[in-house]
């Protein structure tokens, strides 16, 4: 069994909460200068969504808010800003919303 297979097997035995945290940490560890190779379908999806944002057809949300909502939905609790991935801790809090 390869090292990858051993790690995957061990990770698959972890509780869902811990697997979600592991996924989050691993995704956060990918250097910005080494993005994954994306399929043509993903590139089209990215273009489509980018165009929707640029046109104002959809609103955006802060990742920290989305992450917190997903973690709450799936029962992942106790994750504070200091426990968040390093890249996320460097993102300033959102400015106050204007009326």
Protein backbone atom coordinates (compact mmCIF):
# COMPACT_ATOMS: atom_id res chain seq x y z
CA UNK A 1 0.00 0.00 0.00
CA UNK A 2 1.40 3.41 -0.96
CA UNK A 3 1.81 6.25 1.52
CA UNK A 4 -1.11 8.03 -0.19
CA UNK A 5 -3.35 4.97 0.15
CA UNK A 6 -2.39 4.56 3.82
CA UNK A 7 -3.20 8.19 4.57
CA UNK A 8 -6.47 8.03 2.62
CA UNK A 9 -7.48 4.84 4.40
CA UNK A 10 -6.72 6.33 7.83
CA UNK A 11 -8.46 9.62 6.99
CA UNK A 12 -11.53 7.76 5.74
CA UNK A 13 -11.93 6.20 9.19
CA UNK A 14 -12.03 9.60 10.90
CA UNK A 15 -15.32 11.12 12.06
CA UNK A 16 -16.97 13.38 9.48
CA UNK A 17 -16.21 16.49 11.55
CA UNK A 18 -12.49 15.70 11.52
CA UNK A 19 -12.53 14.85 7.80
CA UNK A 20 -14.14 18.21 7.02
CA UNK A 21 -11.46 19.99 9.04
CA UNK A 22 -8.75 17.97 7.28
CA UNK A 23 -10.18 18.86 3.87
CA UNK A 24 -10.21 22.53 4.85
CA UNK A 25 -6.62 22.43 6.09
CA UNK A 26 -5.34 20.54 3.04
CA UNK A 27 -7.09 22.89 0.62
CA UNK A 28 -5.62 25.86 2.50
CA UNK A 29 -2.12 24.42 2.20
CA UNK A 30 -2.03 24.57 -1.63
CA UNK A 31 0.35 27.38 -2.66
CA UNK A 32 -1.21 30.11 -4.78
CA UNK A 33 1.49 29.63 -7.40
CA UNK A 34 0.58 25.94 -7.83
CA UNK A 35 -3.10 25.90 -8.77
CA UNK A 36 -4.67 22.60 -9.78
CA UNK A 37 -5.11 21.70 -13.43
CA UNK A 38 -8.73 22.41 -14.24
CA UNK A 39 -10.83 20.68 -16.87
CA UNK A 40 -12.45 22.62 -19.70
CA UNK A 41 -15.81 22.15 -17.96
CA UNK A 42 -14.50 23.79 -14.76
CA UNK A 43 -12.96 26.66 -16.73
CA UNK A 44 -16.31 27.27 -18.47
CA UNK A 45 -18.07 27.22 -15.09
CA UNK A 46 -15.58 29.70 -13.66
CA UNK A 47 -16.04 32.01 -16.66
CA UNK A 48 -19.83 31.79 -16.38
CA UNK A 49 -19.82 32.55 -12.64
CA UNK A 50 -17.28 35.35 -13.05
CA UNK A 51 -19.48 36.95 -15.70
CA UNK A 52 -22.48 36.75 -13.35
CA UNK A 53 -20.52 38.51 -10.61
CA UNK A 54 -19.15 41.14 -13.00
CA UNK A 55 -22.63 41.89 -14.35
CA UNK A 56 -24.10 42.23 -10.86
CA UNK A 57 -26.52 39.35 -11.43
CA UNK A 58 -25.37 37.67 -8.22
CA UNK A 59 -24.01 38.90 -4.92
CA UNK A 60 -20.82 37.60 -3.34
CA UNK A 61 -20.21 36.48 0.24
CA UNK A 62 -17.07 36.37 2.34
CA UNK A 63 -15.50 32.91 2.54
CA UNK A 64 -15.37 33.15 6.34
CA UNK A 65 -19.18 33.55 6.41
CA UNK A 66 -19.77 30.68 3.99
CA UNK A 67 -17.35 28.44 5.87
CA UNK A 68 -19.00 29.20 9.22
CA UNK A 69 -22.46 28.48 7.78
CA UNK A 70 -21.30 25.16 6.29
CA UNK A 71 -19.49 24.11 9.45
CA UNK A 72 -22.59 24.92 11.52
CA UNK A 73 -24.81 23.00 9.08
CA UNK A 74 -22.59 19.92 9.35
CA UNK A 75 -22.03 20.10 13.10
CA UNK A 76 -18.46 21.34 13.02
CA UNK A 77 -18.13 23.67 15.95
CA UNK A 78 -15.44 25.26 18.02
CA UNK A 79 -13.47 26.63 15.06
CA UNK A 80 -12.36 30.12 15.98
CA UNK A 81 -10.56 32.66 13.83
CA UNK A 82 -7.27 31.73 15.57
CA UNK A 83 -7.82 28.09 14.54
CA UNK A 84 -8.65 29.02 10.96
CA UNK A 85 -6.10 28.37 8.24
CA UNK A 86 -3.31 30.93 8.16
CA UNK A 87 -4.40 32.44 4.85
CA UNK A 88 -7.87 33.06 6.23
CA UNK A 89 -6.59 34.79 9.37
CA UNK A 90 -4.86 37.38 7.17
CA UNK A 91 -8.15 38.38 5.52
CA UNK A 92 -9.50 41.45 7.31
CA UNK A 93 -12.97 41.38 8.73
CA UNK A 94 -15.61 42.77 6.41
CA UNK A 95 -16.21 46.48 6.57
CA UNK A 96 -19.55 47.59 7.98
CA UNK A 97 -22.39 47.46 5.49
CA UNK A 98 -23.75 50.73 4.26
CA UNK A 99 -27.48 51.38 4.63
